[in-house]
Amino acid sequence: GLIKIYGDFNDIKNIKIEDNGENP
């Protein structure tokens, strides 16, 4: 499946990861 990683490289702590329900 698809893994999405988005946000700001200068704000690593708040980067969002969307995957197959693994990250939560």
PDB file of all heavy atoms in Angstrom:
ATOM      1  N   GLY A   1       0.775  -1.232   0.000  1.00  0.00           N
ATOM      2  CA  GLY A   1       0.000   0.000   0.000  1.00  0.00           C
ATOM      3  C   GLY A   1       0.804   1.278   0.000  1.00  0.00           C
ATOM      4  O   GLY A   1       2.023   1.298  -0.161  1.00  0.00           O
ATOM      5  N   LEU A   2       0.056   2.378   0.209  1.00  0.00           N
ATOM      6  CA  LEU A   2       0.606   3.732   0.130  1.00  0.00           C
ATOM      7  C   LEU A   2       0.968   4.259   1.510  1.00  0.00           C
ATOM      8  O   LEU A   2       0.214   4.106   2.478  1.00  0.00           O
ATOM      9  CB  LEU A   2      -0.427   4.663  -0.512  1.00  0.00           C
ATOM     10  CG  LEU A   2      -0.081   6.152  -0.583  1.00  0.00           C
ATOM     11  CD1 LEU A   2       1.114   6.386  -1.500  1.00  0.00           C
ATOM     12  CD2 LEU A   2      -1.301   6.953  -1.050  1.00  0.00           C
ATOM     13  N   ILE A   3       2.146   4.887   1.594  1.00  0.00           N
ATOM     14  CA  ILE A   3       2.589   5.553   2.810  1.00  0.00           C
ATOM     15  C   ILE A   3       2.795   7.027   2.472  1.00  0.00           C
ATOM     16  O   ILE A   3       3.540   7.353   1.542  1.00  0.00           O
ATOM     17  CB  ILE A   3       3.913   4.960   3.328  1.00  0.00           C
ATOM     18  CG1 ILE A   3       3.743   3.474   3.634  1.00  0.00           C
ATOM     19  CG2 ILE A   3       4.390   5.704   4.563  1.00  0.00           C
ATOM     20  CD1 ILE A   3       5.043   2.713   3.669  1.00  0.00           C
ATOM     21  N   LYS A   4       2.096   7.908   3.189  1.00  0.00           N
ATOM     22  CA  LYS A   4       2.244   9.347   2.967  1.00  0.00           C
ATOM     23  C   LYS A   4       2.985   9.979   4.137  1.00  0.00           C
ATOM     24  O   LYS A   4       2.661   9.732   5.294  1.00  0.00           O
ATOM     25  CB  LYS A   4       0.874  10.011   2.813  1.00  0.00           C
ATOM     26  CG  LYS A   4       0.152   9.677   1.528  1.00  0.00           C
ATOM     27  CD  LYS A   4      -1.132  10.498   1.418  1.00  0.00           C
ATOM     28  CE  LYS A   4      -1.842  10.238   0.090  1.00  0.00           C
ATOM     29  NZ  LYS A   4      -3.072  11.069  -0.032  1.00  0.00           N
ATOM     30  N   ILE A   5       3.989  10.782   3.803  1.00  0.00           N
ATOM     31  CA  ILE A   5       4.761  11.508   4.817  1.00  0.00           C
ATOM     32  C   ILE A   5       4.769  12.974   4.406  1.00  0.00           C
ATOM     33  O   ILE A   5       5.244  13.317   3.327  1.00  0.00           O
ATOM     34  CB  ILE A   5       6.204  10.964   4.903  1.00  0.00           C
ATOM     35  CG1 ILE A   5       6.188   9.466   5.227  1.00  0.00           C
ATOM     36  CG2 ILE A   5       7.005  11.729   5.945  1.00  0.00           C
ATOM     37  CD1 ILE A   5       7.548   8.802   5.130  1.00  0.00           C
ATOM     38  N   TYR A   6       4.221  13.822   5.264  1.00  0.00           N
ATOM     39  CA  TYR A   6       4.133  15.226   4.879  1.00  0.00           C
ATOM     40  C   TYR A   6       4.281  16.135   6.099  1.00  0.00           C
ATOM     41  O   TYR A   6       4.090  15.708   7.250  1.00  0.00           O
ATOM     42  CB  TYR A   6       2.819  15.516   4.153  1.00  0.00           C
ATOM     43  CG  TYR A   6       1.569  15.145   4.925  1.00  0.00           C
ATOM     44  CD1 TYR A   6       0.915  16.084   5.729  1.00  0.00           C
ATOM     45  CD2 TYR A   6       1.034  13.868   4.841  1.00  0.00           C
ATOM     46  CE1 TYR A   6      -0.225  15.745   6.434  1.00  0.00           C
ATOM     47  CE2 TYR A   6      -0.113  13.523   5.536  1.00  0.00           C
ATOM     48  CZ  TYR A   6      -0.747  14.463   6.328  1.00  0.00           C
ATOM     49  OH  TYR A   6      -1.873  14.131   7.033  1.00  0.00           O
ATOM     50  N   GLY A   7       4.663  17.383   5.815  1.00  0.00           N
ATOM     51  CA  GLY A   7       4.884  18.345   6.891  1.00  0.00           C
ATOM     52  C   GLY A   7       6.051  19.245   6.563  1.00  0.00           C
ATOM     53  O   GLY A   7       6.314  19.556   5.398  1.00  0.00           O
ATOM     54  N   ASP A   8       6.793  19.631   7.608  1.00  0.00           N
ATOM     55  CA  ASP A   8       7.906  20.571   7.464  1.00  0.00           C
ATOM     56  C   ASP A   8       9.176  19.936   8.033  1.00  0.00           C
ATOM     57  O   ASP A   8       9.197  19.515   9.186  1.00  0.00           O
ATOM     58  CB  ASP A   8       7.572  21.861   8.223  1.00  0.00           C
ATOM     59  CG  ASP A   8       8.551  22.994   7.919  1.00  0.00           C
ATOM     60  OD1 ASP A   8       9.715  22.702   7.567  1.00  0.00           O
ATOM     61  OD2 ASP A   8       8.156  24.160   8.054  1.00  0.00           O
ATOM     62  N   PHE A   9      10.214  19.871   7.220  1.00  0.00           N
ATOM     63  CA  PHE A   9      11.488  19.285   7.643  1.00  0.00           C
ATOM     64  C   PHE A   9      12.071  20.024   8.846  1.00  0.00           C
ATOM     65  O   PHE A   9      12.817  19.449   9.637  1.00  0.00           O
ATOM     66  CB  PHE A   9      12.475  19.312   6.475  1.00  0.00           C
ATOM     67  CG  PHE A   9      13.800  18.665   6.776  1.00  0.00           C
ATOM     68  CD1 PHE A   9      13.884  17.312   7.072  1.00  0.00           C
ATOM     69  CD2 PHE A   9      14.971  19.410   6.753  1.00  0.00           C
ATOM     70  CE1 PHE A   9      15.106  16.708   7.348  1.00  0.00           C
ATOM     71  CE2 PHE A   9      16.200  18.824   7.022  1.00  0.00           C
ATOM     72  CZ  PHE A   9      16.265  17.474   7.322  1.00  0.00           C
ATOM     73  N   ASN A  10      11.711  21.301   8.991  1.00  0.00           N
ATOM     74  CA  ASN A  10      12.186  22.093  10.120  1.00  0.00           C
ATOM     75  C   ASN A  10      11.336  21.885  11.379  1.00  0.00           C
ATOM     76  O   ASN A  10      11.611  22.488  12.418  1.00  0.00           O
ATOM     77  CB  ASN A  10      12.209  23.578   9.763  1.00  0.00           C
ATOM     78  CG  ASN A  10      13.258  23.895   8.708  1.00  0.00           C
ATOM     79  OD1 ASN A  10      14.246  23.167   8.556  1.00  0.00           O
ATOM     80  ND2 ASN A  10      13.049  24.962   7.952  1.00  0.00           N
ATOM     81  N   ASP A  11      10.326  21.044  11.269  1.00  0.00           N
ATOM     82  CA  ASP A  11       9.446  20.760  12.404  1.00  0.00           C
ATOM     83  C   ASP A  11       9.192  19.246  12.445  1.00  0.00           C
ATOM     84  O   ASP A  11       8.059  18.786  12.307  1.00  0.00           O
ATOM     85  CB  ASP A  11       8.136  21.534  12.259  1.00  0.00           C
ATOM     86  CG  ASP A  11       7.244  21.419  13.488  1.00  0.00           C
ATOM     87  OD1 ASP A  11       7.748  21.013  14.554  1.00  0.00           O
ATOM     88  OD2 ASP A  11       6.037  21.716  13.373  1.00  0.00           O
ATOM     89  N   ILE A  12      10.270  18.490  12.649  1.00  0.00           N
ATOM     90  CA  ILE A  12      10.232  17.031  12.556  1.00  0.00           C
ATOM     91  C   ILE A  12       9.181  16.415  13.481  1.00  0.00           C
ATOM     92  O   ILE A  12       8.500  15.456  13.118  1.00  0.00           O
ATOM     93  CB  ILE A  12      11.623  16.428  12.875  1.00  0.00           C
ATOM     94  CG1 ILE A  12      12.622  16.793  11.778  1.00  0.00           C
ATOM     95  CG2 ILE A  12      11.544  14.909  13.033  1.00  0.00           C
ATOM     96  CD1 ILE A  12      12.378  16.130  10.451  1.00  0.00           C
ATOM     97  N   LYS A  13       9.051  16.963  14.690  1.00  0.00           N
ATOM     98  CA  LYS A  13       8.142  16.370  15.673  1.00  0.00           C
ATOM     99  C   LYS A  13       6.691  16.346  15.201  1.00  0.00           C
ATOM    100  O   LYS A  13       5.901  15.498  15.649  1.00  0.00           O
ATOM    101  CB  LYS A  13       8.236  17.133  17.000  1.00  0.00           C
ATOM    102  CG  LYS A  13       9.537  16.903  17.753  1.00  0.00           C
ATOM    103  CD  LYS A  13       9.512  17.610  19.095  1.00  0.00           C
ATOM    104  CE  LYS A  13      10.794  17.341  19.869  1.00  0.00           C
ATOM    105  NZ  LYS A  13      10.810  18.028  21.179  1.00  0.00           N
ATOM    106  N   ASN A  14       6.329  17.244  14.312  1.00  0.00           N
ATOM    107  CA  ASN A  14       4.941  17.332  13.854  1.00  0.00           C
ATOM    108  C   ASN A  14       4.721  16.797  12.440  1.00  0.00           C
ATOM    109  O   ASN A  14       3.678  17.040  11.839  1.00  0.00           O
ATOM    110  CB  ASN A  14       4.447  18.787  13.940  1.00  0.00           C
ATOM    111  CG  ASN A  14       4.310  19.247  15.386  1.00  0.00           C
ATOM    112  OD1 ASN A  14       3.724  18.552  16.204  1.00  0.00           O
ATOM    113  ND2 ASN A  14       4.877  20.397  15.690  1.00  0.00           N
ATOM    114  N   ILE A  15       5.696  16.069  11.929  1.00  0.00           N
ATOM    115  CA  ILE A  15       5.515  15.431  10.623  1.00  0.00           C
ATOM    116  C   ILE A  15       4.414  14.373  10.725  1.00  0.00           C
ATOM    117  O   ILE A  15       4.332  13.642  11.711  1.00  0.00           O
ATOM    118  CB  ILE A  15       6.842  14.796  10.147  1.00  0.00           C
ATOM    119  CG1 ILE A  15       7.772  15.893   9.619  1.00  0.00           C
ATOM    120  CG2 ILE A  15       6.606  13.742   9.059  1.00  0.00           C
ATOM    121  CD1 ILE A  15       9.118  15.391   9.168  1.00  0.00           C
ATOM    122  N   LYS A  16       3.567  14.287   9.722  1.00  0.00           N
ATOM    123  CA  LYS A  16       2.449  13.353   9.714  1.00  0.00           C
ATOM    124  C   LYS A  16       2.772  12.138   8.844  1.00  0.00           C
ATOM    125  O   LYS A  16       3.383  12.265   7.774  1.00  0.00           O
ATOM    126  CB  LYS A  16       1.182  14.027   9.187  1.00  0.00           C
ATOM    127  CG  LYS A  16       0.753  15.255   9.981  1.00  0.00           C
ATOM    128  CD  LYS A  16       0.407  14.901  11.419  1.00  0.00           C
ATOM    129  CE  LYS A  16      -0.048  16.124  12.204  1.00  0.00           C
ATOM    130  NZ  LYS A  16      -0.310  15.816  13.629  1.00  0.00           N
ATOM    131  N   ILE A  17       2.352  10.981   9.329  1.00  0.00           N
ATOM    132  CA  ILE A  17       2.541   9.737   8.575  1.00  0.00           C
ATOM    133  C   ILE A  17       1.198   9.045   8.438  1.00  0.00           C
ATOM    134  O   ILE A  17       0.520   8.786   9.431  1.00  0.00           O
ATOM    135  CB  ILE A  17       3.529   8.789   9.287  1.00  0.00           C
ATOM    136  CG1 ILE A  17       4.891   9.463   9.474  1.00  0.00           C
ATOM    137  CG2 ILE A  17       3.675   7.488   8.504  1.00  0.00           C
ATOM    138  CD1 ILE A  17       5.859   8.666  10.316  1.00  0.00           C
ATOM    139  N   GLU A  18       0.815   8.762   7.207  1.00  0.00           N
ATOM    140  CA  GLU A  18      -0.410   8.003   6.938  1.00  0.00           C
ATOM    141  C   GLU A  18      -0.013   6.687   6.282  1.00  0.00           C
ATOM    142  O   GLU A  18       0.688   6.671   5.275  1.00  0.00           O
ATOM    143  CB  GLU A  18      -1.352   8.786   6.017  1.00  0.00           C
ATOM    144  CG  GLU A  18      -1.901  10.060   6.644  1.00  0.00           C
ATOM    145  CD  GLU A  18      -2.822  10.811   5.697  1.00  0.00           C
ATOM    146  OE1 GLU A  18      -3.114  10.283   4.591  1.00  0.00           O
ATOM    147  OE2 GLU A  18      -3.248  11.933   6.045  1.00  0.00           O
ATOM    148  N   ASP A  19      -0.435   5.584   6.877  1.00  0.00           N
ATOM    149  CA  ASP A  19      -0.085   4.281   6.329  1.00  0.00           C
ATOM    150  C   ASP A  19      -1.266   3.331   6.516  1.00  0.00           C
ATOM    151  O   ASP A  19      -2.408   3.768   6.609  1.00  0.00           O
ATOM    152  CB  ASP A  19       1.193   3.739   6.978  1.00  0.00           C
ATOM    153  CG  ASP A  19       1.107   3.694   8.505  1.00  0.00           C
ATOM    154  OD1 ASP A  19      -0.010   3.861   9.035  1.00  0.00           O
ATOM    155  OD2 ASP A  19       2.138   3.494   9.153  1.00  0.00           O
ATOM    156  N   ASN A  20      -0.995   2.069   6.587  1.00  0.00           N
ATOM    157  CA  ASN A  20      -2.057   1.071   6.725  1.00  0.00           C
ATOM    158  C   ASN A  20      -2.486   0.870   8.179  1.00  0.00           C
ATOM    159  O   ASN A  20      -2.665  -0.245   8.642  1.00  0.00           O
ATOM    160  CB  ASN A  20      -1.593  -0.276   6.151  1.00  0.00           C
ATOM    161  CG  ASN A  20      -1.378  -0.207   4.648  1.00  0.00           C
ATOM    162  OD1 ASN A  20      -2.255   0.231   3.916  1.00  0.00           O
ATOM    163  ND2 ASN A  20      -0.207  -0.615   4.204  1.00  0.00           N
ATOM    164  N   GLY A  21      -2.641   1.964   8.911  1.00  0.00           N
ATOM    165  CA  GLY A  21      -3.073   1.880  10.294  1.00  0.00           C
ATOM    166  C   GLY A  21      -1.970   1.485  11.251  1.00  0.00           C
ATOM    167  O   GLY A  21      -2.235   1.212  12.429  1.00  0.00           O
ATOM    168  N   GLU A  22      -0.721   1.468  10.795  1.00  0.00           N
ATOM    169  CA  GLU A  22       0.398   1.067  11.639  1.00  0.00           C
ATOM    170  C   GLU A  22       0.873   2.209  12.542  1.00  0.00           C
ATOM    171  O   GLU A  22       1.163   2.011  13.728  1.00  0.00           O
ATOM    172  CB  GLU A  22       1.567   0.581  10.783  1.00  0.00           C
ATOM    173  CG  GLU A  22       1.335  -0.745  10.072  1.00  0.00           C
ATOM    174  CD  GLU A  22       1.613  -1.940  10.983  1.00  0.00           C
ATOM    175  OE1 GLU A  22       2.015  -1.722  12.136  1.00  0.00           O
ATOM    176  OE2 GLU A  22       1.426  -3.077  10.536  1.00  0.00           O
ATOM    177  N   ASN A  23       0.965   3.416  11.986  1.00  0.00           N
ATOM    178  CA  ASN A  23       1.575   4.517  12.733  1.00  0.00           C
ATOM    179  C   ASN A  23       0.838   4.891  14.017  1.00  0.00           C
ATOM    180  O   ASN A  23       1.489   5.209  15.017  1.00  0.00           O
ATOM    181  CB  ASN A  23       1.710   5.748  11.828  1.00  0.00           C
ATOM    182  CG  ASN A  23       2.624   6.786  12.434  1.00  0.00           C
ATOM    183  OD1 ASN A  23       3.785   6.505  12.729  1.00  0.00           O
ATOM    184  ND2 ASN A  23       2.101   7.981  12.657  1.00  0.00           N
ATOM    185  N   PRO A  24      -0.504   4.876  14.058  1.00  0.00           N
ATOM    186  CA  PRO A  24      -1.179   5.188  15.327  1.00  0.00           C
ATOM    187  C   PRO A  24      -0.762   4.259  16.474  1.00  0.00           C
ATOM    188  O   PRO A  24      -0.692   4.688  17.621  1.00  0.00           O
ATOM    189  CB  PRO A  24      -2.661   5.010  14.986  1.00  0.00           C
ATOM    190  CG  PRO A  24      -2.738   5.292  13.524  1.00  0.00           C
ATOM    191  CD  PRO A  24      -1.470   4.731  12.953  1.00  0.00           C
TER     192      PRO A  24
END
